[in-house]
């Protein structure tokens, strides 16, 4: 999968508010699926589907511990999104700087 495809998939994944909330929850700690599901007002199956989408987008890591599945935000996938946004802002801020300097020379 190309970087562009990964970015597209990641942005689609985080477009859903519950998925963003899940990422916040597992940002700093690894949690089992059941504990994640217990914090939301939807079924465990729905949370499992959200986790699958986040995992497929490269934003979540899954680790098996016996019969449990543990989830944590994947810094590598999140870094890709950050780099994409940073490039956007760097370009935009550069244009803003050029415009301000152009106006200052007038």
PDB file of N, CA and C in Angstrom:
ATOM      1  N   UNK A   1       0.847  -1.174   0.000  1.00  0.00           N
ATOM      2  CA  UNK A   1       0.000   0.000   0.000  1.00  0.00           C
ATOM      3  C   UNK A   1       0.901   1.249   0.000  1.00  0.00           C
ATOM      4  N   UNK A   2       0.566   2.219  -0.815  1.00  0.00           N
ATOM      5  CA  UNK A   2       1.368   3.444  -0.889  1.00  0.00           C
ATOM      6  C   UNK A   2       1.107   4.339   0.318  1.00  0.00           C
ATOM      7  N   UNK A   3       1.992   5.309   0.524  1.00  0.00           N
ATOM      8  CA  UNK A   3       1.800   6.268   1.613  1.00  0.00           C
ATOM      9  C   UNK A   3       0.475   7.003   1.460  1.00  0.00           C
ATOM     10  N   UNK A   4       0.160   7.393   0.223  1.00  0.00           N
ATOM     11  CA  UNK A   4      -1.089   8.121  -0.024  1.00  0.00           C
ATOM     12  C   UNK A   4      -2.297   7.267   0.347  1.00  0.00           C
ATOM     13  N   UNK A   5      -2.251   5.997   0.009  1.00  0.00           N
ATOM     14  CA  UNK A   5      -3.365   5.102   0.356  1.00  0.00           C
ATOM     15  C   UNK A   5      -3.472   4.920   1.867  1.00  0.00           C
ATOM     16  N   UNK A   6      -2.312   4.794   2.538  1.00  0.00           N
ATOM     17  CA  UNK A   6      -2.326   4.677   3.994  1.00  0.00           C
ATOM     18  C   UNK A   6      -2.896   5.936   4.642  1.00  0.00           C
ATOM     19  N   UNK A   7      -2.502   7.097   4.123  1.00  0.00           N
ATOM     20  CA  UNK A   7      -3.035   8.347   4.659  1.00  0.00           C
ATOM     21  C   UNK A   7      -4.545   8.424   4.452  1.00  0.00           C
ATOM     22  N   UNK A   8      -5.009   8.050   3.258  1.00  0.00           N
ATOM     23  CA  UNK A   8      -6.442   8.071   2.980  1.00  0.00           C
ATOM     24  C   UNK A   8      -7.194   7.171   3.957  1.00  0.00           C
ATOM     25  N   UNK A   9      -6.679   5.980   4.138  1.00  0.00           N
ATOM     26  CA  UNK A   9      -7.326   5.024   5.040  1.00  0.00           C
ATOM     27  C   UNK A   9      -7.305   5.534   6.483  1.00  0.00           C
ATOM     28  N   UNK A  10      -6.197   6.111   6.891  1.00  0.00           N
ATOM     29  CA  UNK A  10      -6.090   6.633   8.255  1.00  0.00           C
ATOM     30  C   UNK A  10      -7.053   7.797   8.475  1.00  0.00           C
ATOM     31  N   UNK A  11      -7.134   8.712   7.520  1.00  0.00           N
ATOM     32  CA  UNK A  11      -8.050   9.839   7.674  1.00  0.00           C
ATOM     33  C   UNK A  11      -9.504   9.376   7.680  1.00  0.00           C
ATOM     34  N   UNK A  12      -9.822   8.391   6.853  1.00  0.00           N
ATOM     35  CA  UNK A  12     -11.185   7.840   6.891  1.00  0.00           C
ATOM     36  C   UNK A  12     -11.467   7.212   8.249  1.00  0.00           C
ATOM     37  N   UNK A  13     -10.471   6.532   8.785  1.00  0.00           N
ATOM     38  CA  UNK A  13     -10.652   5.867  10.085  1.00  0.00           C
ATOM     39  C   UNK A  13     -10.906   6.876  11.197  1.00  0.00           C
ATOM     40  N   UNK A  14     -10.147   7.958  11.218  1.00  0.00           N
ATOM     41  CA  UNK A  14     -10.305   8.911  12.325  1.00  0.00           C
ATOM     42  C   UNK A  14     -11.424   9.923  12.079  1.00  0.00           C
ATOM     43  N   UNK A  15     -12.076   9.822  10.935  1.00  0.00           N
ATOM     44  CA  UNK A  15     -13.214  10.709  10.677  1.00  0.00           C
ATOM     45  C   UNK A  15     -14.379  10.375  11.609  1.00  0.00           C
ATOM     46  N   UNK A  16     -14.425   9.163  12.108  1.00  0.00           N
ATOM     47  CA  UNK A  16     -15.509   8.727  12.989  1.00  0.00           C
ATOM     48  C   UNK A  16     -15.155   9.094  14.436  1.00  0.00           C
ATOM     49  N   UNK A  17     -15.996   9.870  15.103  1.00  0.00           N
ATOM     50  CA  UNK A  17     -15.675  10.341  16.463  1.00  0.00           C
ATOM     51  C   UNK A  17     -15.374   9.227  17.469  1.00  0.00           C
ATOM     52  N   UNK A  18     -16.067   8.128  17.394  1.00  0.00           N
ATOM     53  CA  UNK A  18     -15.822   7.048  18.362  1.00  0.00           C
ATOM     54  C   UNK A  18     -14.424   6.460  18.175  1.00  0.00           C
ATOM     55  N   UNK A  19     -13.972   6.384  16.942  1.00  0.00           N
ATOM     56  CA  UNK A  19     -12.620   5.864  16.696  1.00  0.00           C
ATOM     57  C   UNK A  19     -11.567   6.805  17.256  1.00  0.00           C
ATOM     58  N   UNK A  20     -11.814   8.100  17.131  1.00  0.00           N
ATOM     59  CA  UNK A  20     -10.875   9.055  17.733  1.00  0.00           C
ATOM     60  C   UNK A  20     -10.866   8.894  19.249  1.00  0.00           C
ATOM     61  N   UNK A  21     -12.028   8.660  19.834  1.00  0.00           N
ATOM     62  CA  UNK A  21     -12.104   8.451  21.283  1.00  0.00           C
ATOM     63  C   UNK A  21     -11.357   7.178  21.685  1.00  0.00           C
ATOM     64  N   UNK A  22     -11.462   6.150  20.878  1.00  0.00           N
ATOM     65  CA  UNK A  22     -10.727   4.907  21.151  1.00  0.00           C
ATOM     66  C   UNK A  22      -9.227   5.175  21.100  1.00  0.00           C
ATOM     67  N   UNK A  23      -8.778   5.903  20.092  1.00  0.00           N
ATOM     68  CA  UNK A  23      -7.353   6.232  19.996  1.00  0.00           C
ATOM     69  C   UNK A  23      -6.879   7.010  21.222  1.00  0.00           C
ATOM     70  N   UNK A  24      -7.689   7.951  21.675  1.00  0.00           N
ATOM     71  CA  UNK A  24      -7.332   8.708  22.890  1.00  0.00           C
ATOM     72  C   UNK A  24      -7.192   7.769  24.080  1.00  0.00           C
ATOM     73  N   UNK A  25      -8.105   6.824  24.175  1.00  0.00           N
ATOM     74  CA  UNK A  25      -8.121   5.887  25.299  1.00  0.00           C
ATOM     75  C   UNK A  25      -6.878   5.005  25.320  1.00  0.00           C
ATOM     76  N   UNK A  26      -6.422   4.581  24.158  1.00  0.00           N
ATOM     77  CA  UNK A  26      -5.289   3.648  24.101  1.00  0.00           C
ATOM     78  C   UNK A  26      -3.999   4.338  23.663  1.00  0.00           C
ATOM     79  N   UNK A  27      -3.998   5.648  23.734  1.00  0.00           N
ATOM     80  CA  UNK A  27      -2.808   6.414  23.347  1.00  0.00           C
ATOM     81  C   UNK A  27      -1.602   6.063  24.218  1.00  0.00           C
ATOM     82  N   UNK A  28      -1.802   5.997  25.530  1.00  0.00           N
ATOM     83  CA  UNK A  28      -0.684   5.826  26.457  1.00  0.00           C
ATOM     84  C   UNK A  28      -0.640   4.474  27.152  1.00  0.00           C
ATOM     85  N   UNK A  29      -1.668   3.669  26.931  1.00  0.00           N
ATOM     86  CA  UNK A  29      -1.670   2.362  27.591  1.00  0.00           C
ATOM     87  C   UNK A  29      -2.334   1.310  26.726  1.00  0.00           C
ATOM     88  N   UNK A  30      -1.885   0.102  26.904  1.00  0.00           N
ATOM     89  CA  UNK A  30      -2.426  -1.047  26.199  1.00  0.00           C
ATOM     90  C   UNK A  30      -3.637  -1.553  26.977  1.00  0.00           C
ATOM     91  N   UNK A  31      -4.756  -1.752  26.284  1.00  0.00           N
ATOM     92  CA  UNK A  31      -5.973  -2.217  26.954  1.00  0.00           C
ATOM     93  C   UNK A  31      -6.579  -3.389  26.200  1.00  0.00           C
ATOM     94  N   UNK A  32      -7.225  -4.295  26.940  1.00  0.00           N
ATOM     95  CA  UNK A  32      -7.940  -5.384  26.276  1.00  0.00           C
ATOM     96  C   UNK A  32      -9.223  -4.866  25.629  1.00  0.00           C
ATOM     97  N   UNK A  33      -9.653  -5.556  24.605  1.00  0.00           N
ATOM     98  CA  UNK A  33     -10.847  -5.150  23.865  1.00  0.00           C
ATOM     99  C   UNK A  33     -12.056  -4.998  24.784  1.00  0.00           C
ATOM    100  N   UNK A  34     -12.212  -5.898  25.722  1.00  0.00           N
ATOM    101  CA  UNK A  34     -13.361  -5.835  26.628  1.00  0.00           C
ATOM    102  C   UNK A  34     -13.373  -4.569  27.464  1.00  0.00           C
ATOM    103  N   UNK A  35     -12.213  -4.157  27.927  1.00  0.00           N
ATOM    104  CA  UNK A  35     -12.134  -2.932  28.730  1.00  0.00           C
ATOM    105  C   UNK A  35     -12.411  -1.701  27.871  1.00  0.00           C
ATOM    106  N   UNK A  36     -11.945  -1.726  26.644  1.00  0.00           N
ATOM    107  CA  UNK A  36     -12.245  -0.621  25.726  1.00  0.00           C
ATOM    108  C   UNK A  36     -13.751  -0.551  25.503  1.00  0.00           C
ATOM    109  N   UNK A  37     -14.347  -1.697  25.208  1.00  0.00           N
ATOM    110  CA  UNK A  37     -15.786  -1.740  24.933  1.00  0.00           C
ATOM    111  C   UNK A  37     -16.610  -1.282  26.127  1.00  0.00           C
ATOM    112  N   UNK A  38     -16.151  -1.582  27.330  1.00  0.00           N
ATOM    113  CA  UNK A  38     -16.899  -1.220  28.534  1.00  0.00           C
ATOM    114  C   UNK A  38     -17.011   0.295  28.708  1.00  0.00           C
ATOM    115  N   UNK A  39     -16.170   1.035  28.053  1.00  0.00           N
ATOM    116  CA  UNK A  39     -16.174   2.501  28.204  1.00  0.00           C
ATOM    117  C   UNK A  39     -17.056   3.214  27.184  1.00  0.00           C
ATOM    118  N   UNK A  40     -17.734   2.449  26.348  1.00  0.00           N
ATOM    119  CA  UNK A  40     -18.578   3.033  25.306  1.00  0.00           C
ATOM    120  C   UNK A  40     -19.993   2.474  25.396  1.00  0.00           C
ATOM    121  N   UNK A  41     -20.923   3.234  24.851  1.00  0.00           N
ATOM    122  CA  UNK A  41     -22.334   2.835  24.911  1.00  0.00           C
ATOM    123  C   UNK A  41     -22.789   2.095  23.654  1.00  0.00           C
ATOM    124  N   UNK A  42     -21.884   1.299  23.097  1.00  0.00           N
ATOM    125  CA  UNK A  42     -22.218   0.459  21.942  1.00  0.00           C
ATOM    126  C   UNK A  42     -21.780  -0.970  22.261  1.00  0.00           C
ATOM    127  N   UNK A  43     -22.157  -1.878  21.396  1.00  0.00           N
ATOM    128  CA  UNK A  43     -21.839  -3.279  21.646  1.00  0.00           C
ATOM    129  C   UNK A  43     -20.343  -3.551  21.512  1.00  0.00           C
ATOM    130  N   UNK A  44     -19.934  -4.636  22.106  1.00  0.00           N
ATOM    131  CA  UNK A  44     -18.537  -5.068  21.990  1.00  0.00           C
ATOM    132  C   UNK A  44     -18.190  -5.356  20.529  1.00  0.00           C
ATOM    133  N   UNK A  45     -19.161  -5.878  19.794  1.00  0.00           N
ATOM    134  CA  UNK A  45     -18.959  -6.155  18.370  1.00  0.00           C
ATOM    135  C   UNK A  45     -18.672  -4.865  17.602  1.00  0.00           C
ATOM    136  N   UNK A  46     -19.389  -3.805  17.933  1.00  0.00           N
ATOM    137  CA  UNK A  46     -19.159  -2.516  17.265  1.00  0.00           C
ATOM    138  C   UNK A  46     -17.749  -2.005  17.566  1.00  0.00           C
ATOM    139  N   UNK A  47     -17.320  -2.124  18.819  1.00  0.00           N
ATOM    140  CA  UNK A  47     -15.963  -1.688  19.187  1.00  0.00           C
ATOM    141  C   UNK A  47     -14.936  -2.536  18.459  1.00  0.00           C
ATOM    142  N   UNK A  48     -15.191  -3.819  18.357  1.00  0.00           N
ATOM    143  CA  UNK A  48     -14.287  -4.708  17.637  1.00  0.00           C
ATOM    144  C   UNK A  48     -14.153  -4.271  16.178  1.00  0.00           C
ATOM    145  N   UNK A  49     -15.250  -3.874  15.568  1.00  0.00           N
ATOM    146  CA  UNK A  49     -15.201  -3.396  14.180  1.00  0.00           C
ATOM    147  C   UNK A  49     -14.400  -2.098  14.084  1.00  0.00           C
ATOM    148  N   UNK A  50     -14.593  -1.207  15.034  1.00  0.00           N
ATOM    149  CA  UNK A  50     -13.821   0.041  15.048  1.00  0.00           C
ATOM    150  C   UNK A  50     -12.326  -0.265  15.191  1.00  0.00           C
ATOM    151  N   UNK A  51     -11.994  -1.179  16.090  1.00  0.00           N
ATOM    152  CA  UNK A  51     -10.587  -1.548  16.292  1.00  0.00           C
ATOM    153  C   UNK A  51      -9.989  -2.165  15.028  1.00  0.00           C
ATOM    154  N   UNK A  52     -10.775  -2.959  14.340  1.00  0.00           N
ATOM    155  CA  UNK A  52     -10.312  -3.576  13.096  1.00  0.00           C
ATOM    156  C   UNK A  52     -10.004  -2.505  12.053  1.00  0.00           C
ATOM    157  N   UNK A  53     -10.857  -1.509  11.953  1.00  0.00           N
ATOM    158  CA  UNK A  53     -10.638  -0.421  10.993  1.00  0.00           C
ATOM    159  C   UNK A  53      -9.393   0.373  11.374  1.00  0.00           C
ATOM    160  N   UNK A  54      -9.247   0.684  12.652  1.00  0.00           N
ATOM    161  CA  UNK A  54      -8.070   1.423  13.108  1.00  0.00           C
ATOM    162  C   UNK A  54      -6.787   0.626  12.875  1.00  0.00           C
ATOM    163  N   UNK A  55      -6.870  -0.670  13.121  1.00  0.00           N
ATOM    164  CA  UNK A  55      -5.710  -1.544  12.904  1.00  0.00           C
ATOM    165  C   UNK A  55      -5.362  -1.613  11.415  1.00  0.00           C
ATOM    166  N   UNK A  56      -6.369  -1.757  10.573  1.00  0.00           N
ATOM    167  CA  UNK A  56      -6.159  -1.819   9.128  1.00  0.00           C
ATOM    168  C   UNK A  56      -5.557  -0.522   8.596  1.00  0.00           C
ATOM    169  N   UNK A  57      -5.883   0.589   9.240  1.00  0.00           N
ATOM    170  CA  UNK A  57      -5.355   1.893   8.831  1.00  0.00           C
ATOM    171  C   UNK A  57      -3.962   2.143   9.390  1.00  0.00           C
ATOM    172  N   UNK A  58      -3.437   1.199  10.167  1.00  0.00           N
ATOM    173  CA  UNK A  58      -2.094   1.336  10.719  1.00  0.00           C
ATOM    174  C   UNK A  58      -2.015   2.243  11.931  1.00  0.00           C
ATOM    175  N   UNK A  59      -3.153   2.491  12.582  1.00  0.00           N
ATOM    176  CA  UNK A  59      -3.186   3.399  13.719  1.00  0.00           C
ATOM    177  C   UNK A  59      -3.202   2.691  15.065  1.00  0.00           C
ATOM    178  N   UNK A  60      -3.419   1.376  15.044  1.00  0.00           N
ATOM    179  CA  UNK A  60      -3.511   0.592  16.279  1.00  0.00           C
ATOM    180  C   UNK A  60      -2.719  -0.697  16.120  1.00  0.00           C
ATOM    181  N   UNK A  61      -2.029  -1.065  17.192  1.00  0.00           N
ATOM    182  CA  UNK A  61      -1.330  -2.346  17.250  1.00  0.00           C
ATOM    183  C   UNK A  61      -2.160  -3.308  18.092  1.00  0.00           C
ATOM    184  N   UNK A  62      -2.155  -4.552  17.682  1.00  0.00           N
ATOM    185  CA  UNK A  62      -2.854  -5.596  18.442  1.00  0.00           C
ATOM    186  C   UNK A  62      -1.815  -6.612  18.905  1.00  0.00           C
ATOM    187  N   UNK A  63      -1.944  -7.010  20.169  1.00  0.00           N
ATOM    188  CA  UNK A  63      -1.053  -8.041  20.713  1.00  0.00           C
ATOM    189  C   UNK A  63      -1.916  -9.065  21.416  1.00  0.00           C
ATOM    190  N   UNK A  64      -1.599 -10.315  21.181  1.00  0.00           N
ATOM    191  CA  UNK A  64      -2.346 -11.391  21.848  1.00  0.00           C
ATOM    192  C   UNK A  64      -1.610 -11.825  23.104  1.00  0.00           C
ATOM    193  N   UNK A  65      -2.387 -11.990  24.153  1.00  0.00           N
ATOM    194  CA  UNK A  65      -1.876 -12.475  25.434  1.00  0.00           C
ATOM    195  C   UNK A  65      -2.826 -13.578  25.875  1.00  0.00           C
ATOM    196  N   UNK A  66      -2.489 -14.799  25.503  1.00  0.00           N
ATOM    197  CA  UNK A  66      -3.416 -15.914  25.744  1.00  0.00           C
ATOM    198  C   UNK A  66      -4.635 -15.734  24.869  1.00  0.00           C
ATOM    199  N   UNK A  67      -5.806 -15.675  25.490  1.00  0.00           N
ATOM    200  CA  UNK A  67      -7.037 -15.500  24.723  1.00  0.00           C
ATOM    201  C   UNK A  67      -7.420 -14.026  24.575  1.00  0.00           C
ATOM    202  N   UNK A  68      -6.693 -13.160  25.263  1.00  0.00           N
ATOM    203  CA  UNK A  68      -7.013 -11.729  25.204  1.00  0.00           C
ATOM    204  C   UNK A  68      -6.306 -11.057  24.038  1.00  0.00           C
ATOM    205  N   UNK A  69      -6.960 -10.049  23.521  1.00  0.00           N
ATOM    206  CA  UNK A  69      -6.345  -9.183  22.514  1.00  0.00           C
ATOM    207  C   UNK A  69      -6.172  -7.822  23.151  1.00  0.00           C
ATOM    208  N   UNK A  70      -4.954  -7.349  23.118  1.00  0.00           N
ATOM    209  CA  UNK A  70      -4.627  -6.061  23.723  1.00  0.00           C
ATOM    210  C   UNK A  70      -4.333  -5.059  22.614  1.00  0.00           C
ATOM    211  N   UNK A  71      -4.809  -3.844  22.813  1.00  0.00           N
ATOM    212  CA  UNK A  71      -4.687  -2.814  21.786  1.00  0.00           C
ATOM    213  C   UNK A  71      -4.000  -1.575  22.339  1.00  0.00           C
ATOM    214  N   UNK A  72      -3.184  -0.970  21.477  1.00  0.00           N
ATOM    215  CA  UNK A  72      -2.534   0.293  21.818  1.00  0.00           C
ATOM    216  C   UNK A  72      -2.351   1.088  20.530  1.00  0.00           C
ATOM    217  N   UNK A  73      -2.423   2.411  20.650  1.00  0.00           N
ATOM    218  CA  UNK A  73      -2.195   3.261  19.485  1.00  0.00           C
ATOM    219  C   UNK A  73      -0.802   2.980  18.930  1.00  0.00           C
ATOM    220  N   UNK A  74      -0.705   2.954  17.612  1.00  0.00           N
ATOM    221  CA  UNK A  74       0.563   2.684  16.938  1.00  0.00           C
ATOM    222  C   UNK A  74       1.238   4.008  16.586  1.00  0.00           C
ATOM    223  N   UNK A  75       2.326   4.338  17.272  1.00  0.00           N
ATOM    224  CA  UNK A  75       2.987   5.628  17.010  1.00  0.00           C
ATOM    225  C   UNK A  75       3.465   5.777  15.575  1.00  0.00           C
ATOM    226  N   UNK A  76       3.796   4.686  14.919  1.00  0.00           N
ATOM    227  CA  UNK A  76       4.285   4.757  13.537  1.00  0.00           C
ATOM    228  C   UNK A  76       3.184   5.266  12.608  1.00  0.00           C
ATOM    229  N   UNK A  77       1.991   4.697  12.739  1.00  0.00           N
ATOM    230  CA  UNK A  77       0.874   5.141  11.904  1.00  0.00           C
ATOM    231  C   UNK A  77       0.474   6.569  12.195  1.00  0.00           C
ATOM    232  N   UNK A  78       0.494   6.920  13.463  1.00  0.00           N
ATOM    233  CA  UNK A  78       0.149   8.288  13.850  1.00  0.00           C
ATOM    234  C   UNK A  78       1.206   9.274  13.355  1.00  0.00           C
ATOM    235  N   UNK A  79       2.461   8.846  13.341  1.00  0.00           N
ATOM    236  CA  UNK A  79       3.534   9.705  12.841  1.00  0.00           C
ATOM    237  C   UNK A  79       3.327  10.028  11.366  1.00  0.00           C
ATOM    238  N   UNK A  80       2.874   9.039  10.602  1.00  0.00           N
ATOM    239  CA  UNK A  80       2.597   9.275   9.188  1.00  0.00           C
ATOM    240  C   UNK A  80       1.558  10.367   8.995  1.00  0.00           C
ATOM    241  N   UNK A  81       0.505  10.349   9.808  1.00  0.00           N
ATOM    242  CA  UNK A  81      -0.514  11.400   9.732  1.00  0.00           C
ATOM    243  C   UNK A  81       0.057  12.751  10.131  1.00  0.00           C
ATOM    244  N   UNK A  82       0.856  12.754  11.188  1.00  0.00           N
ATOM    245  CA  UNK A  82       1.465  14.004  11.652  1.00  0.00           C
ATOM    246  C   UNK A  82       2.355  14.590  10.561  1.00  0.00           C
ATOM    247  N   UNK A  83       3.149  13.752   9.928  1.00  0.00           N
ATOM    248  CA  UNK A  83       4.045  14.236   8.876  1.00  0.00           C
ATOM    249  C   UNK A  83       3.250  14.810   7.702  1.00  0.00           C
ATOM    250  N   UNK A  84       2.143  14.167   7.373  1.00  0.00           N
ATOM    251  CA  UNK A  84       1.298  14.668   6.292  1.00  0.00           C
ATOM    252  C   UNK A  84       0.768  16.057   6.636  1.00  0.00           C
ATOM    253  N   UNK A  85       0.226  16.199   7.821  1.00  0.00           N
ATOM    254  CA  UNK A  85      -0.327  17.485   8.252  1.00  0.00           C
ATOM    255  C   UNK A  85       0.779  18.525   8.363  1.00  0.00           C
ATOM    256  N   UNK A  86       1.940  18.134   8.881  1.00  0.00           N
ATOM    257  CA  UNK A  86       3.061  19.068   8.995  1.00  0.00           C
ATOM    258  C   UNK A  86       3.478  19.608   7.627  1.00  0.00           C
ATOM    259  N   UNK A  87       3.495  18.738   6.613  1.00  0.00           N
ATOM    260  CA  UNK A  87       3.854  19.193   5.260  1.00  0.00           C
ATOM    261  C   UNK A  87       2.833  20.214   4.760  1.00  0.00           C
ATOM    262  N   UNK A  88       1.570  19.963   5.028  1.00  0.00           N
ATOM    263  CA  UNK A  88       0.519  20.892   4.624  1.00  0.00           C
ATOM    264  C   UNK A  88       0.738  22.249   5.275  1.00  0.00           C
ATOM    265  N   UNK A  89       0.953  22.239   6.581  1.00  0.00           N
ATOM    266  CA  UNK A  89       1.130  23.499   7.295  1.00  0.00           C
ATOM    267  C   UNK A  89       2.422  24.196   6.914  1.00  0.00           C
ATOM    268  N   UNK A  90       3.476  23.439   6.705  1.00  0.00           N
ATOM    269  CA  UNK A  90       4.752  24.056   6.318  1.00  0.00           C
ATOM    270  C   UNK A  90       4.585  24.798   4.994  1.00  0.00           C
ATOM    271  N   UNK A  91       3.899  24.191   4.051  1.00  0.00           N
ATOM    272  CA  UNK A  91       3.658  24.830   2.755  1.00  0.00           C
ATOM    273  C   UNK A  91       2.791  26.070   2.931  1.00  0.00           C
ATOM    274  N   UNK A  92       1.731  25.923   3.670  1.00  0.00           N
ATOM    275  CA  UNK A  92       0.791  27.033   3.876  1.00  0.00           C
ATOM    276  C   UNK A  92       1.463  28.180   4.635  1.00  0.00           C
ATOM    277  N   UNK A  93       2.213  27.858   5.665  1.00  0.00           N
ATOM    278  CA  UNK A  93       2.895  28.895   6.433  1.00  0.00           C
ATOM    279  C   UNK A  93       3.968  29.584   5.597  1.00  0.00           C
ATOM    280  N   UNK A  94       4.626  28.823   4.739  1.00  0.00           N
ATOM    281  CA  UNK A  94       5.607  29.414   3.829  1.00  0.00           C
ATOM    282  C   UNK A  94       4.957  30.415   2.891  1.00  0.00           C
ATOM    283  N   UNK A  95       3.779  30.083   2.377  1.00  0.00           N
ATOM    284  CA  UNK A  95       3.054  31.006   1.501  1.00  0.00           C
ATOM    285  C   UNK A  95       2.623  32.258   2.271  1.00  0.00           C
ATOM    286  N   UNK A  96       2.169  32.071   3.489  1.00  0.00           N
ATOM    287  CA  UNK A  96       1.769  33.197   4.318  1.00  0.00           C
ATOM    288  C   UNK A  96       2.969  34.124   4.571  1.00  0.00           C
ATOM    289  N   UNK A  97       4.112  33.545   4.879  1.00  0.00           N
ATOM    290  CA  UNK A  97       5.340  34.328   5.108  1.00  0.00           C
ATOM    291  C   UNK A  97       5.691  35.126   3.858  1.00  0.00           C
ATOM    292  N   UNK A  98       5.645  34.464   2.695  1.00  0.00           N
ATOM    293  CA  UNK A  98       5.954  35.147   1.439  1.00  0.00           C
ATOM    294  C   UNK A  98       4.999  36.318   1.203  1.00  0.00           C
ATOM    295  N   UNK A  99       3.730  36.128   1.478  1.00  0.00           N
ATOM    296  CA  UNK A  99       2.734  37.177   1.288  1.00  0.00           C
ATOM    297  C   UNK A  99       2.977  38.353   2.229  1.00  0.00           C
ATOM    298  N   UNK A 100       3.283  38.059   3.479  1.00  0.00           N
ATOM    299  CA  UNK A 100       3.557  39.120   4.451  1.00  0.00           C
ATOM    300  C   UNK A 100       4.801  39.903   4.017  1.00  0.00           C
ATOM    301  N   UNK A 101       5.831  39.203   3.595  1.00  0.00           N
ATOM    302  CA  UNK A 101       7.053  39.884   3.150  1.00  0.00           C
ATOM    303  C   UNK A 101       6.799  40.714   1.892  1.00  0.00           C
ATOM    304  N   UNK A 102       5.979  40.206   0.997  1.00  0.00           N
ATOM    305  CA  UNK A 102       5.642  40.941  -0.231  1.00  0.00           C
ATOM    306  C   UNK A 102       4.913  42.234   0.123  1.00  0.00           C
ATOM    307  N   UNK A 103       3.968  42.151   1.023  1.00  0.00           N
ATOM    308  CA  UNK A 103       3.216  43.346   1.440  1.00  0.00           C
ATOM    309  C   UNK A 103       4.116  44.321   2.185  1.00  0.00           C
ATOM    310  N   UNK A 104       5.066  43.828   2.945  1.00  0.00           N
ATOM    311  CA  UNK A 104       5.965  44.701   3.707  1.00  0.00           C
ATOM    312  C   UNK A 104       6.876  45.500   2.771  1.00  0.00           C
ATOM    313  N   UNK A 105       7.188  44.938   1.600  1.00  0.00           N
ATOM    314  CA  UNK A 105       8.054  45.633   0.650  1.00  0.00           C
ATOM    315  C   UNK A 105       7.322  46.749  -0.097  1.00  0.00           C
ATOM    316  N   UNK A 106       6.040  46.762  -0.065  1.00  0.00           N
ATOM    317  CA  UNK A 106       5.263  47.788  -0.776  1.00  0.00           C
ATOM    318  C   UNK A 106       5.403  49.125  -0.164  1.00  0.00           C
TER     319      UNK A 106
END
